[in-house]
Amino acid sequence: MKKSCFTIMRTDRPTIARLVILATGAFATIAAFIGVASIHTTIDPEVAARIARSKISEAAARYAGAEAEDIAATRQAIHEILTAAHKEVSGKADVATQPFRGFCNATSCAAMGTKDKLRGGHELQDYIQHSLEPATVLLSSAREKILVQIMSARQNALVRANHYRKETLQFAHDAGISPTELDTGLPAIGAMAETLDHSVNQTIAAGIGASLELVFIRSTITILMSVLEPAIATAAGTAGAAGTACVIDGPSPVGKIIGATIAVGGSAWTAKEIWQAIAEINRLPGKIEGLLNEQLDSQEKAATGALDQIEAGFQPLLAPVL
């Protein structure tokens, strides 16, 4: 005979009761476990701090490694920039001195210098500066490339510092540690950026700035002017009023100045001093090479100092904070 639903329920009631009791007990156990875990986290901040400290240490090592790799790569890139620039120095020095070499070129420069001396101009200096452009472009090009590398390294350091700070704050939040407590161990990123800007900019201005190109130009002008000065002084001193007129007027200053000095008996002295100037000018490429290499070495020294400052400025952010 088949049992009805009511008969089954009546017959299995003890079993159902046992199942209810077991389920109730299981839920109670789970709730108790969750409560104990929650209470344990709340009452044991040392464990939470230890976990956060471990995560922060791992993050610090990761960011320190990335920063070290970035600085090393930047140093290598700058070294390659300057190595390439040094290889071009000889050719640039030769091109830059071509306008002054040879009898005609030296005489033209002496004529311009004489005109400047008689009428207070600066045509010769402008001519020298213009002729030095291939060499100055070499310096400025290297400078711009180096600055890009340094500014990129600086920006990367600040970005890493910000990311590190955000991670540490997240670790503190997850561990139930007050962010204000954690903040006391982290220098402000803004202060770091300001300090880095000041120190790096000073280093750049001293060793990589455009002022070094002006130093190179002034040094070269001084060398050339000293070489040509004897011929200029003789021509200007012996030309007199007639010579002054010839130098200032006419489309051919070389012919005018030579004509004037011959007319007043100064041609022998001027010709001798021009040849002496040519002998010195022929040695000018080597002197310009030396000046260019000095400027590039100065750029390398300043770049190294700037990267050292960026590296040193980044390290305090990785100090223990808990």
Protein backbone atom coordinates (compact mmCIF):
# COMPACT_ATOMS: atom_id res chain seq x y z
CA MET A 1 0.00 0.00 0.00
CA LYS A 2 1.33 3.42 -0.98
CA LYS A 3 2.14 6.04 1.68
CA SER A 4 0.67 9.50 1.42
CA CYS A 5 2.74 12.71 1.72
CA PHE A 6 1.52 13.19 5.24
CA THR A 7 2.60 9.66 6.15
CA ILE A 8 6.13 10.29 4.77
CA MET A 9 6.49 13.57 6.62
CA ARG A 10 5.25 11.96 9.83
CA THR A 11 7.55 9.02 9.42
CA ASP A 12 10.73 11.15 8.53
CA ARG A 13 10.20 13.94 11.04
CA PRO A 14 13.13 12.90 13.28
CA THR A 15 15.47 12.88 10.31
CA ILE A 16 14.39 16.33 9.22
CA ALA A 17 14.88 17.61 12.75
CA ARG A 18 18.39 16.25 12.83
CA LEU A 19 19.18 17.97 9.53
CA VAL A 20 17.89 21.27 10.83
CA ILE A 21 20.01 20.93 13.94
CA LEU A 22 23.12 20.15 11.90
CA ALA A 23 22.57 23.08 9.55
CA THR A 24 22.01 25.42 12.45
CA GLY A 25 25.22 24.26 14.05
CA ALA A 26 27.20 24.72 10.84
CA PHE A 27 25.94 28.26 10.37
CA ALA A 28 26.78 29.04 13.97
CA THR A 29 30.30 27.68 13.52
CA ILE A 30 30.88 29.77 10.38
CA ALA A 31 29.53 32.88 12.07
CA ALA A 32 31.73 32.28 15.10
CA PHE A 33 34.80 31.80 12.89
CA ILE A 34 34.12 35.04 11.01
CA GLY A 35 33.57 36.86 14.27
CA VAL A 36 36.77 35.50 15.79
CA ALA A 37 38.77 36.44 12.68
CA SER A 38 37.32 39.91 12.74
CA ILE A 39 38.03 40.32 16.42
CA HIS A 40 41.55 38.92 15.94
CA THR A 41 42.33 41.52 13.23
CA THR A 42 41.01 44.29 15.37
CA ILE A 43 42.81 43.37 18.53
CA ASP A 44 46.19 42.49 16.99
CA PRO A 45 47.52 45.58 15.15
CA GLU A 46 51.09 44.24 15.35
CA VAL A 47 50.24 41.42 12.98
CA ALA A 48 48.55 43.84 10.61
CA ALA A 49 51.53 46.18 10.75
CA ARG A 50 53.91 43.29 10.10
CA ILE A 51 51.96 42.29 7.00
CA ALA A 52 51.84 45.87 5.75
CA ARG A 53 55.56 46.31 6.45
CA SER A 54 56.37 43.19 4.43
CA LYS A 55 54.33 44.41 1.47
CA ILE A 56 55.88 47.87 1.69
CA SER A 57 59.39 46.38 1.76
CA GLU A 58 58.60 44.34 -1.34
CA ALA A 59 57.28 47.46 -3.08
CA ALA A 60 60.33 49.47 -2.03
CA ALA A 61 62.67 46.83 -3.44
CA ARG A 62 60.69 46.72 -6.67
CA TYR A 63 60.70 50.49 -7.16
CA ALA A 64 64.34 50.81 -6.11
CA GLY A 65 65.29 48.21 -8.69
CA ALA A 66 63.31 49.96 -11.41
CA GLU A 67 64.87 53.30 -10.51
CA ALA A 68 68.40 51.86 -10.54
CA GLU A 69 67.79 50.33 -13.97
CA ASP A 70 66.40 53.59 -15.30
CA ILE A 71 69.33 55.65 -14.00
CA ALA A 72 71.83 53.15 -15.42
CA ALA A 73 70.10 53.24 -18.81
CA THR A 74 70.09 57.05 -18.75
CA ARG A 75 73.80 57.16 -17.94
CA GLN A 76 74.48 54.83 -20.86
CA ALA A 77 72.34 56.91 -23.23
CA ILE A 78 74.18 60.10 -22.23
CA HIS A 79 77.53 58.38 -22.63
CA GLU A 80 76.57 57.33 -26.16
CA ILE A 81 75.42 60.87 -27.01
CA LEU A 82 78.73 62.35 -25.90
CA THR A 83 80.81 59.62 -27.51
CA ALA A 84 79.14 60.38 -30.84
CA ALA A 85 79.70 64.11 -30.31
CA HIS A 86 83.40 63.62 -29.51
CA LYS A 87 83.81 61.73 -32.78
CA GLU A 88 82.51 64.75 -34.69
CA VAL A 89 84.75 67.28 -32.96
CA SER A 90 87.69 67.06 -35.38
CA GLY A 91 85.55 67.51 -38.48
CA LYS A 92 83.55 70.38 -36.99
CA ALA A 93 86.72 72.16 -35.89
CA ASP A 94 88.16 71.86 -39.39
CA VAL A 95 84.99 73.22 -41.03
CA ALA A 96 84.72 76.06 -38.52
CA THR A 97 88.27 77.28 -39.19
CA GLN A 98 88.15 77.13 -43.00
CA PRO A 99 86.95 80.77 -43.33
CA PHE A 100 90.14 81.98 -41.59
CA ARG A 101 92.79 79.81 -43.27
CA GLY A 102 94.90 80.79 -46.27
CA PHE A 103 96.37 84.15 -47.25
CA CYS A 104 93.19 85.60 -48.77
CA ASN A 105 90.97 84.56 -45.84
CA ALA A 106 93.45 85.79 -43.24
CA THR A 107 93.86 89.09 -45.07
CA SER A 108 90.09 89.53 -45.30
CA CYS A 109 89.80 88.96 -41.57
CA ALA A 110 92.60 91.44 -40.91
CA ALA A 111 90.80 93.97 -43.12
CA MET A 112 87.55 93.51 -41.20
CA GLY A 113 89.43 93.87 -37.93
CA THR A 114 91.12 97.04 -39.14
CA LYS A 115 87.79 98.52 -40.21
CA ASP A 116 86.35 97.71 -36.79
CA LYS A 117 89.33 99.29 -35.07
CA LEU A 118 89.08 102.48 -37.11
CA ARG A 119 85.33 102.94 -36.83
CA GLY A 120 84.47 101.05 -33.63
CA GLY A 121 82.53 98.19 -35.24
CA HIS A 122 82.33 94.46 -34.58
CA GLU A 123 82.14 92.98 -38.07
CA LEU A 124 85.06 90.62 -37.49
CA GLN A 125 83.61 89.25 -34.26
CA ASP A 126 80.25 88.66 -35.94
CA TYR A 127 82.02 86.92 -38.82
CA ILE A 128 83.94 84.68 -36.44
CA GLN A 129 80.80 83.80 -34.49
CA HIS A 130 78.92 82.95 -37.68
CA SER A 131 81.81 80.80 -38.90
CA LEU A 132 81.79 78.85 -35.63
CA GLU A 133 78.19 77.73 -36.05
CA PRO A 134 79.07 74.13 -37.06
CA ALA A 135 80.97 73.74 -33.80
CA THR A 136 78.38 75.50 -31.63
CA VAL A 137 75.58 73.43 -33.18
CA LEU A 138 77.49 70.30 -32.13
CA LEU A 139 77.51 71.56 -28.53
CA SER A 140 73.88 72.68 -28.51
CA SER A 141 72.69 69.44 -30.10
CA ALA A 142 74.47 67.34 -27.48
CA ARG A 143 73.13 69.63 -24.74
CA GLU A 144 69.52 69.28 -25.87
CA LYS A 145 69.76 65.49 -26.10
CA ILE A 146 71.31 65.27 -22.63
CA LEU A 147 68.65 67.53 -21.13
CA VAL A 148 65.91 65.30 -22.57
CA GLN A 149 67.51 62.30 -20.88
CA ILE A 150 67.91 64.05 -17.52
CA MET A 151 64.39 65.48 -17.47
CA SER A 152 62.98 62.09 -18.40
CA ALA A 153 64.91 60.43 -15.55
CA ARG A 154 63.68 63.09 -13.12
CA GLN A 155 60.07 62.65 -14.21
CA ASN A 156 60.31 58.88 -13.98
CA ALA A 157 61.61 59.16 -10.41
CA LEU A 158 58.70 61.37 -9.38
CA VAL A 159 56.17 59.05 -11.03
CA ARG A 160 57.65 56.06 -9.20
CA ALA A 161 57.58 57.97 -5.94
CA ASN A 162 53.89 58.72 -6.40
CA HIS A 163 53.07 55.12 -7.26
CA TYR A 164 55.05 53.88 -4.26
CA ARG A 165 53.19 56.28 -2.00
CA LYS A 166 49.79 55.15 -3.31
CA GLU A 167 50.68 51.50 -2.79
CA THR A 168 51.86 52.04 0.77
CA LEU A 169 48.70 53.93 1.62
CA GLN A 170 46.63 51.09 0.15
CA PHE A 171 48.59 48.56 2.20
CA ALA A 172 47.90 50.63 5.31
CA HIS A 173 44.20 50.81 4.51
CA ASP A 174 43.97 47.07 3.95
CA ALA A 175 45.74 46.41 7.26
CA GLY A 176 43.49 48.84 9.16
CA ILE A 177 46.36 51.25 9.88
CA SER A 178 45.60 54.94 9.98
CA PRO A 179 46.88 56.73 6.83
CA THR A 180 47.96 59.66 8.99
CA GLU A 181 50.19 57.33 10.97
CA LEU A 182 51.77 56.05 7.77
CA ASP A 183 52.15 59.53 6.27
CA THR A 184 54.53 60.60 9.03
CA GLY A 185 57.19 58.34 7.52
CA LEU A 186 56.85 59.48 3.91
CA PRO A 187 58.34 62.76 2.69
CA ALA A 188 55.98 64.86 0.61
CA ILE A 189 56.32 64.23 -3.11
CA GLY A 190 55.89 67.94 -3.79
CA ALA A 191 58.83 68.81 -1.54
CA MET A 192 60.92 66.17 -3.26
CA ALA A 193 60.06 67.59 -6.69
CA GLU A 194 60.96 71.12 -5.59
CA THR A 195 64.28 70.02 -4.13
CA LEU A 196 65.14 67.99 -7.21
CA ASP A 197 64.22 70.84 -9.53
CA HIS A 198 66.44 73.27 -7.66
CA SER A 199 69.49 71.03 -7.38
CA VAL A 200 69.23 69.55 -10.88
CA ASN A 201 68.66 72.96 -12.49
CA GLN A 202 71.71 74.38 -10.72
CA THR A 203 73.85 71.51 -11.92
CA ILE A 204 72.54 71.83 -15.47
CA ALA A 205 73.09 75.59 -15.55
CA ALA A 206 76.66 75.15 -14.36
CA GLY A 207 77.71 72.39 -16.72
CA ILE A 208 75.20 71.94 -19.52
CA GLY A 209 73.61 75.34 -20.04
CA ALA A 210 73.83 77.46 -23.17
CA SER A 211 76.32 79.70 -21.38
CA LEU A 212 79.01 77.12 -22.15
CA GLU A 213 78.51 77.70 -25.85
CA LEU A 214 79.03 81.42 -25.27
CA VAL A 215 82.23 80.62 -23.38
CA PHE A 216 83.43 78.57 -26.35
CA ILE A 217 82.60 81.38 -28.80
CA ARG A 218 84.28 84.05 -26.67
CA SER A 219 87.37 81.89 -26.19
CA THR A 220 87.69 81.28 -29.93
CA ILE A 221 87.14 84.96 -30.75
CA THR A 222 89.83 85.88 -28.24
CA ILE A 223 92.28 83.43 -29.83
CA LEU A 224 91.62 84.69 -33.37
CA MET A 225 91.69 88.36 -32.40
CA SER A 226 95.02 87.89 -30.64
CA VAL A 227 96.40 86.14 -33.75
CA LEU A 228 95.25 88.89 -36.10
CA GLU A 229 95.88 91.83 -33.79
CA PRO A 230 99.49 92.52 -34.90
CA ALA A 231 98.45 92.81 -38.55
CA ILE A 232 95.36 94.84 -37.62
CA ALA A 233 97.33 97.21 -35.41
CA THR A 234 100.01 97.77 -38.07
CA ALA A 235 97.47 98.35 -40.83
CA ALA A 236 95.36 100.69 -38.73
CA GLY A 237 98.36 102.55 -37.37
CA THR A 238 100.05 103.15 -40.74
CA ALA A 239 96.95 103.79 -42.82
CA GLY A 240 96.24 107.28 -41.52
CA ALA A 241 93.31 109.29 -42.73
CA ALA A 242 93.61 108.11 -46.34
CA GLY A 243 93.78 104.51 -45.20
CA THR A 244 90.73 105.00 -43.01
CA ALA A 245 88.71 106.21 -45.97
CA CYS A 246 89.88 103.30 -48.12
CA VAL A 247 89.04 100.75 -45.45
CA ILE A 248 85.58 102.11 -44.76
CA ASP A 249 84.56 102.73 -48.38
CA GLY A 250 84.43 100.40 -51.36
CA PRO A 251 83.35 96.82 -51.96
CA SER A 252 86.80 95.26 -51.65
CA PRO A 253 88.18 95.82 -48.15
CA VAL A 254 91.15 93.53 -48.77
CA GLY A 255 92.36 95.53 -51.74
CA LYS A 256 91.68 98.80 -49.98
CA ILE A 257 93.56 97.97 -46.83
CA ILE A 258 96.50 96.47 -48.69
CA GLY A 259 96.53 99.44 -51.01
CA ALA A 260 96.47 101.83 -48.10
CA THR A 261 99.32 100.18 -46.24
CA ILE A 262 101.44 100.00 -49.38
CA ALA A 263 100.79 103.66 -50.03
CA VAL A 264 102.07 104.64 -46.63
CA GLY A 265 104.97 102.21 -46.55
CA GLY A 266 103.50 99.60 -44.20
CA SER A 267 103.05 96.73 -46.65
CA ALA A 268 106.15 94.77 -45.66
CA TRP A 269 105.17 94.75 -42.00
CA THR A 270 101.56 93.87 -42.75
CA ALA A 271 102.46 91.04 -45.13
CA LYS A 272 104.91 89.60 -42.60
CA GLU A 273 102.34 89.73 -39.82
CA ILE A 274 99.66 88.19 -42.05
CA TRP A 275 101.94 85.21 -42.73
CA GLN A 276 102.65 84.96 -39.02
CA ALA A 277 98.91 85.00 -38.37
CA ILE A 278 98.40 82.26 -40.98
CA ALA A 279 100.91 80.06 -39.18
CA GLU A 280 98.90 80.47 -35.97
CA ILE A 281 95.56 80.02 -37.74
CA ASN A 282 96.77 76.72 -39.18
CA ARG A 283 97.08 75.51 -35.59
CA LEU A 284 93.61 76.78 -34.76
CA PRO A 285 91.72 73.51 -35.53
CA GLY A 286 93.65 71.74 -32.79
CA LYS A 287 92.86 74.51 -30.31
CA ILE A 288 89.17 74.46 -31.22
CA GLU A 289 89.15 70.68 -30.86
CA GLY A 290 90.49 71.10 -27.35
CA LEU A 291 87.84 73.69 -26.49
CA LEU A 292 85.03 71.54 -27.88
CA ASN A 293 86.20 68.45 -26.02
CA GLU A 294 86.44 70.46 -22.81
CA GLN A 295 82.85 71.65 -23.23
CA LEU A 296 81.59 68.13 -23.92
CA ASP A 297 83.49 66.82 -20.88
CA SER A 298 81.86 69.54 -18.82
CA GLN A 299 78.45 68.43 -20.07
CA GLU A 300 79.20 64.84 -19.10
CA LYS A 301 80.34 65.84 -15.62
CA ALA A 302 77.23 67.94 -15.06
CA ALA A 303 74.94 65.20 -16.38
CA THR A 304 76.54 62.68 -14.02
CA GLY A 305 76.02 65.08 -11.11
CA ALA A 306 72.38 65.65 -12.03
CA LEU A 307 71.67 61.91 -12.20
CA ASP A 308 73.44 61.40 -8.86
CA GLN A 309 71.13 64.02 -7.34
CA ILE A 310 68.03 62.37 -8.80
CA GLU A 311 69.15 58.99 -7.46
CA ALA A 312 69.90 60.42 -4.02
CA GLY A 313 66.62 62.32 -3.93
CA PHE A 314 64.62 59.18 -4.66
CA GLN A 315 66.16 56.99 -1.95
CA PRO A 316 64.61 58.72 1.13
CA LEU A 317 61.15 57.78 -0.13
CA LEU A 318 62.01 54.11 0.31
CA ALA A 319 62.88 54.39 3.99
CA PRO A 320 60.92 52.18 6.48
CA VAL A 321 57.61 53.79 7.34
CA LEU A 322 56.11 51.56 10.03
